N, C-alpha and C. Protein backbone atom coordinates (compact mmCIF):
# COMPACT_ATOMS: atom_id res chain seq x y z
N UNK A 1 0.84 -1.11 -0.22
CA UNK A 1 -0.23 -0.14 -0.04
C UNK A 1 0.67 1.37 -0.48
N UNK A 2 0.91 2.10 -1.08
CA UNK A 2 1.63 3.52 -1.02
C UNK A 2 1.12 4.45 -0.13
N UNK A 3 1.78 5.34 0.64
CA UNK A 3 1.80 6.36 1.16
C UNK A 3 1.81 7.35 0.40
N UNK A 4 0.74 8.23 0.00
CA UNK A 4 1.13 9.83 -0.88
C UNK A 4 0.45 10.74 0.03
N UNK A 5 1.23 11.88 -0.10
CA UNK A 5 0.23 12.90 0.94
C UNK A 5 -0.84 13.39 0.36
N UNK A 6 -1.45 13.56 1.44
CA UNK A 6 -2.71 14.10 1.02
C UNK A 6 -2.93 15.21 0.30
N UNK A 7 -3.43 15.53 -1.18
CA UNK A 7 -3.46 16.42 -2.07
C UNK A 7 -4.49 17.50 -1.31
N UNK A 8 -4.45 18.73 -1.86
CA UNK A 8 -5.61 19.92 -1.14
C UNK A 8 -6.31 20.10 -2.54
N UNK A 9 -7.81 20.17 -2.13
CA UNK A 9 -8.29 20.37 -3.11
C UNK A 9 -7.87 21.70 -4.14
N UNK A 10 -8.76 21.56 -5.71
CA UNK A 10 -8.06 22.52 -6.68
C UNK A 10 -8.20 24.04 -5.98
N UNK A 11 -7.00 24.73 -5.61
CA UNK A 11 -7.31 26.20 -5.40
C UNK A 11 -6.99 26.41 -4.08
N UNK A 12 -6.96 24.95 -3.01
CA UNK A 12 -6.72 25.19 -1.94
C UNK A 12 -5.16 24.71 -1.81
N UNK A 13 -4.97 25.16 -0.58
CA UNK A 13 -3.71 25.40 -0.23
C UNK A 13 -3.92 23.97 1.21
N UNK A 14 -2.97 23.28 1.77
CA UNK A 14 -2.67 22.28 2.71
C UNK A 14 -1.74 23.06 3.83
N UNK A 15 -2.24 23.70 5.10
CA UNK A 15 -1.74 24.11 6.23
C UNK A 15 -1.68 23.77 7.25
N UNK A 16 -0.22 23.58 7.89
CA UNK A 16 0.45 22.90 9.13
C UNK A 16 0.39 24.18 10.04
N UNK A 17 -0.77 23.85 11.22
CA UNK A 17 -0.32 24.46 12.40
C UNK A 17 0.09 23.29 13.58
N UNK A 18 1.47 24.07 13.63
CA UNK A 18 1.97 22.55 14.73
C UNK A 18 1.17 22.88 16.37
N UNK A 19 1.21 21.82 16.80
CA UNK A 19 0.42 21.47 18.08
C UNK A 19 0.75 22.35 18.72
N UNK A 20 2.26 22.90 18.91
CA UNK A 20 2.81 23.67 20.52
C UNK A 20 2.94 25.35 19.98
N UNK A 21 1.56 25.56 18.64
CA UNK A 21 1.93 26.79 18.53
C UNK A 21 1.11 27.42 19.92
N UNK A 22 1.72 28.97 19.97
CA UNK A 22 1.42 29.55 20.99
C UNK A 22 0.73 30.98 20.52
N UNK A 23 -0.69 31.07 20.83
CA UNK A 23 -1.28 32.28 20.53
C UNK A 23 -0.98 33.19 21.81
N UNK A 24 -1.12 34.46 20.26
CA UNK A 24 -0.79 35.81 21.24
C UNK A 24 -1.96 36.56 20.78
N UNK A 25 -2.23 37.40 21.94
CA UNK A 25 -3.27 38.53 21.94
C UNK A 25 -2.58 39.75 21.72
N UNK A 26 -3.41 40.61 21.07
CA UNK A 26 -2.84 41.32 20.16
C UNK A 26 -3.99 42.82 20.39
N UNK A 27 -4.27 44.02 20.87
CA UNK A 27 -5.43 44.97 20.94
C UNK A 27 -4.70 46.13 20.85
N UNK A 28 -3.56 46.31 19.94
CA UNK A 28 -2.99 47.26 19.12
C UNK A 28 -2.06 46.74 18.59
N UNK A 29 -2.12 47.64 16.83
CA UNK A 29 -1.25 47.42 15.91
C UNK A 29 -0.83 48.64 15.47
N UNK A 30 0.50 48.78 15.03
CA UNK A 30 1.32 50.07 14.75
C UNK A 30 1.78 49.16 13.46
N UNK A 31 1.38 50.22 12.21
CA UNK A 31 1.97 49.79 10.66
C UNK A 31 2.81 50.90 10.24
N UNK A 32 3.60 50.28 9.51
CA UNK A 32 4.53 51.19 9.00
C UNK A 32 4.86 50.51 7.76
N UNK A 33 5.36 51.47 6.89
CA UNK A 33 6.09 50.64 5.51
C UNK A 33 7.09 51.17 4.71
N UNK A 34 7.82 50.89 3.78
CA UNK A 34 8.58 50.95 3.21
C UNK A 34 8.17 50.66 1.52
N UNK A 35 9.41 51.22 0.48
CA UNK A 35 8.66 51.28 -0.85
C UNK A 35 8.10 49.29 -1.14
N UNK A 36 8.69 49.10 -0.60
CA UNK A 36 7.97 47.36 -0.82
C UNK A 36 7.77 46.48 -0.09
N UNK A 37 7.45 47.14 1.61
CA UNK A 37 7.05 46.32 2.08
C UNK A 37 5.80 46.81 3.29
N UNK A 38 4.94 46.28 3.90
CA UNK A 38 4.19 46.71 5.03
C UNK A 38 4.61 46.15 6.23
N UNK A 39 5.18 47.03 7.07
CA UNK A 39 5.41 46.15 8.49
C UNK A 39 4.38 46.21 9.74
N UNK A 40 3.87 45.26 10.28
CA UNK A 40 2.85 45.41 11.19
C UNK A 40 3.55 44.67 12.64
N UNK A 41 3.55 45.55 13.79
CA UNK A 41 3.94 45.25 14.75
C UNK A 41 2.42 45.29 15.91
N UNK A 42 2.72 43.73 16.20
CA UNK A 42 1.47 43.82 17.20
C UNK A 42 1.74 43.62 18.49
N UNK A 43 1.09 44.54 19.81
CA UNK A 43 0.88 44.52 20.83
C UNK A 43 -0.06 44.89 21.52
N UNK A 44 0.26 44.62 22.99
CA UNK A 44 -0.55 44.60 23.94
C UNK A 44 -0.41 45.69 24.74
N UNK A 45 -1.46 46.15 25.05
CA UNK A 45 -1.85 47.62 25.78
C UNK A 45 -2.41 47.49 26.97
N UNK A 46 -1.86 47.59 28.01
CA UNK A 46 -2.68 47.43 29.61
C UNK A 46 -3.44 48.59 30.04
N UNK A 47 -4.47 48.65 30.27
CA UNK A 47 -4.91 49.94 31.14
C UNK A 47 -4.13 50.56 31.87
N UNK A 48 -4.06 51.99 31.77
CA UNK A 48 -3.23 52.44 33.14
C UNK A 48 -1.85 52.32 32.97
N UNK A 49 -1.07 51.62 31.54
CA UNK A 49 0.19 51.28 31.82
C UNK A 49 0.84 51.99 29.86
N UNK A 50 1.19 53.06 30.30
CA UNK A 50 1.74 53.55 29.08
C UNK A 50 2.82 53.40 28.16
N UNK A 51 2.77 51.83 28.22
CA UNK A 51 3.96 51.34 27.51
C UNK A 51 3.08 50.48 26.75
N UNK A 52 2.94 50.20 25.44
CA UNK A 52 2.74 49.01 24.70
C UNK A 52 3.97 47.86 24.55
N UNK A 53 3.41 46.69 24.85
CA UNK A 53 4.83 45.67 24.78
C UNK A 53 4.48 44.90 22.83
N UNK A 54 5.56 44.83 22.25
CA UNK A 54 5.10 44.29 21.48
C UNK A 54 5.45 43.12 21.33
N UNK A 55 4.45 42.02 20.73
CA UNK A 55 4.55 40.76 20.99
C UNK A 55 5.11 39.86 19.53
N UNK A 56 4.71 40.69 18.36
CA UNK A 56 5.03 40.14 17.19
C UNK A 56 5.03 41.09 15.82
N UNK A 57 6.30 40.90 14.99
CA UNK A 57 6.15 41.50 14.04
C UNK A 57 6.02 40.49 12.92
N UNK A 58 5.26 41.55 11.52
CA UNK A 58 4.33 40.46 10.77
C UNK A 58 4.90 41.51 9.60
N UNK A 59 5.92 40.92 8.48
CA UNK A 59 6.68 42.16 7.49
C UNK A 59 5.91 41.19 5.87
N UNK A 60 5.24 42.06 5.18
CA UNK A 60 4.90 41.29 4.20
C UNK A 60 5.20 42.13 3.09
N UNK A 61 4.89 41.85 1.89
CA UNK A 61 5.18 42.56 0.70
C UNK A 61 3.47 43.71 0.48
N UNK A 62 3.74 44.80 -0.43
CA UNK A 62 2.52 45.33 -0.25
C UNK A 62 1.16 44.81 -0.75
N UNK A 63 1.62 44.07 -1.83
CA UNK A 63 0.76 42.79 -3.05
C UNK A 63 0.06 42.18 -1.78
N UNK A 64 0.86 41.26 -0.66
CA UNK A 64 0.35 40.58 0.35
C UNK A 64 -0.69 41.27 1.38
N UNK A 65 0.29 42.08 1.32
CA UNK A 65 -0.87 42.95 2.29
C UNK A 65 -2.21 43.60 2.14
N UNK A 66 -2.18 44.10 0.80
CA UNK A 66 -3.74 44.21 -0.19
C UNK A 66 -4.66 43.17 -0.23
N UNK A 67 -3.92 41.79 0.11
CA UNK A 67 -4.88 40.58 -0.11
C UNK A 67 -5.00 40.43 0.97
N UNK A 68 -4.51 41.02 2.13
CA UNK A 68 -4.96 40.59 3.73
C UNK A 68 -6.27 41.27 4.09
N UNK A 69 -5.79 42.50 3.29
CA UNK A 69 -7.26 43.89 3.88
C UNK A 69 -8.45 43.67 3.01
N UNK A 70 -8.22 42.54 1.98
CA UNK A 70 -9.25 42.48 1.13
C UNK A 70 -10.03 41.21 2.21
N UNK A 71 -9.46 40.05 2.76
CA UNK A 71 -9.67 39.16 3.70
C UNK A 71 -10.13 40.02 4.67
N UNK A 72 -9.53 40.70 5.78
CA UNK A 72 -10.16 40.90 6.82
C UNK A 72 -11.49 41.71 6.55
N UNK A 73 -11.34 42.39 5.13
CA UNK A 73 -12.73 43.27 5.11
C UNK A 73 -13.80 42.15 4.95
N UNK A 74 -13.60 41.08 4.08
CA UNK A 74 -14.57 40.16 3.66
C UNK A 74 -15.37 39.27 5.14
N UNK A 75 -14.20 39.12 5.78
CA UNK A 75 -14.32 38.15 7.13
C UNK A 75 -15.38 39.14 8.26
N UNK A 76 -15.04 40.80 8.27
CA UNK A 76 -15.29 41.01 9.22
C UNK A 76 -17.22 41.56 8.58
N UNK A 77 -17.66 41.45 7.48
CA UNK A 77 -18.53 41.25 7.21
C UNK A 77 -19.27 40.78 7.44
N UNK A 78 -18.28 39.47 7.41
CA UNK A 78 -19.53 38.06 7.72
C UNK A 78 -19.80 38.72 9.20
N UNK A 79 -18.79 38.58 9.80
CA UNK A 79 -18.95 38.55 11.11
C UNK A 79 -20.20 39.57 11.43
N UNK A 80 -20.29 40.90 10.87
CA UNK A 80 -21.02 41.56 11.28
C UNK A 80 -22.81 41.53 10.86
N UNK A 81 -22.46 40.49 9.79
CA UNK A 81 -23.93 40.12 9.24
C UNK A 81 -24.09 38.92 10.40
N UNK A 82 -23.49 38.44 10.86
CA UNK A 82 -23.81 37.27 12.13
C UNK A 82 -24.19 37.75 13.09
N UNK A 83 -23.45 38.69 13.84
CA UNK A 83 -23.18 39.16 15.12
C UNK A 83 -23.24 40.90 15.17
N UNK A 84 -23.83 41.51 14.50
CA UNK A 84 -24.05 42.76 14.08
C UNK A 84 -22.84 43.94 14.15
N UNK A 85 -23.10 44.80 13.81
CA UNK A 85 -22.29 45.89 13.28
C UNK A 85 -21.48 46.63 14.59
N UNK A 86 -20.34 46.48 14.21
CA UNK A 86 -19.41 47.04 15.52
C UNK A 86 -19.17 48.87 15.19
N UNK A 87 -19.16 49.46 16.10
CA UNK A 87 -19.23 50.60 16.08
C UNK A 87 -17.89 51.06 17.02
N UNK A 88 -17.33 51.53 16.59
CA UNK A 88 -16.21 52.69 16.56
C UNK A 88 -16.35 54.02 17.21
N UNK A 89 -15.70 54.10 18.06
CA UNK A 89 -16.16 55.67 18.91
C UNK A 89 -15.32 56.64 17.67
N UNK A 90 -15.93 57.63 17.57
CA UNK A 90 -15.43 58.84 16.62
C UNK A 90 -14.46 59.79 17.33
N UNK A 91 -13.51 60.29 16.68
CA UNK A 91 -12.93 61.79 17.22
C UNK A 91 -11.35 61.09 17.79
N UNK A 92 -11.45 60.81 19.15
CA UNK A 92 -10.01 60.02 19.42
C UNK A 92 -9.63 58.70 19.32
N UNK A 93 -8.45 58.24 18.94
CA UNK A 93 -8.56 56.57 18.24
C UNK A 93 -8.98 55.83 19.41
N UNK A 94 -9.44 54.50 19.05
CA UNK A 94 -9.79 53.72 20.01
C UNK A 94 -8.81 53.14 21.37
N UNK A 95 -7.38 53.37 21.11
CA UNK A 95 -6.58 52.98 22.09
C UNK A 95 -7.25 53.98 23.29
N UNK A 96 -7.08 55.70 22.78
CA UNK A 96 -7.52 56.89 23.95
C UNK A 96 -8.53 56.30 24.58
N UNK A 97 -9.59 56.15 23.84
CA UNK A 97 -11.05 55.25 24.52
C UNK A 97 -11.04 54.29 25.52
N UNK A 98 -10.53 53.09 25.29
CA UNK A 98 -9.84 52.42 26.23
C UNK A 98 -8.96 52.45 27.59
N UNK A 99 -7.91 52.97 27.14
CA UNK A 99 -6.84 52.97 27.99
C UNK A 99 -6.42 54.59 28.44
N UNK A 100 -7.52 55.04 28.53
CA UNK A 100 -7.11 56.74 28.50
C UNK A 100 -7.46 56.36 30.62
N UNK A 101 -6.54 57.18 31.45
CA UNK A 101 -6.89 56.93 32.92
C UNK A 101 -8.20 57.82 33.14
N UNK A 102 -8.50 57.53 34.12
CA UNK A 102 -10.12 58.20 34.25
C UNK A 102 -9.65 59.42 35.04
N UNK A 103 -11.02 60.69 34.43
CA UNK A 103 -10.49 61.44 35.35
C UNK A 103 -10.26 61.66 36.66
N UNK A 104 -9.85 62.69 37.06
CA UNK A 104 -9.72 62.77 38.58
C UNK A 104 -10.71 63.72 39.16
N UNK A 105 -11.51 63.46 40.11
CA UNK A 105 -11.88 64.61 41.09
C UNK A 105 -11.20 65.61 41.60
N UNK A 106 -11.20 66.74 41.23
CA UNK A 106 -10.47 67.71 42.17
C UNK A 106 -10.65 67.60 43.55
N UNK A 107 -11.92 67.22 43.81
CA UNK A 107 -11.95 67.55 45.15
C UNK A 107 -11.51 66.83 46.04
N UNK A 108 -11.28 65.42 45.54
CA UNK A 108 -10.51 64.25 45.67
C UNK A 108 -9.16 64.46 46.69
N UNK A 109 -8.46 65.90 45.79
CA UNK A 109 -7.46 66.07 46.03
C UNK A 109 -6.97 66.83 47.23
N UNK A 110 -8.13 67.57 47.67
CA UNK A 110 -7.38 68.39 49.17
C UNK A 110 -7.97 67.68 50.27
């Protein structure tokens, strides 16, 4: 009996995810670019901590970044169709809305 590797369906790619792969949580991304590459640093920002800790850096071609943008857009559309629209705060950044220190009460300083 011959043992051939399983062939993915036409147009599909077989993807191996290692069993020991550790997921990383990120609630902040910093995006920069050069002429040939897009760099995305994924970080964790904690409330009341003024420093973001970068956990992962992904570097890709601008072409692949555009494909990622399209895939994310398609998935967000499906997500919102299933779970409802996600409303983002207007004006300041989302990080400011989530992680700004609470206002202090001037009376409590006396």
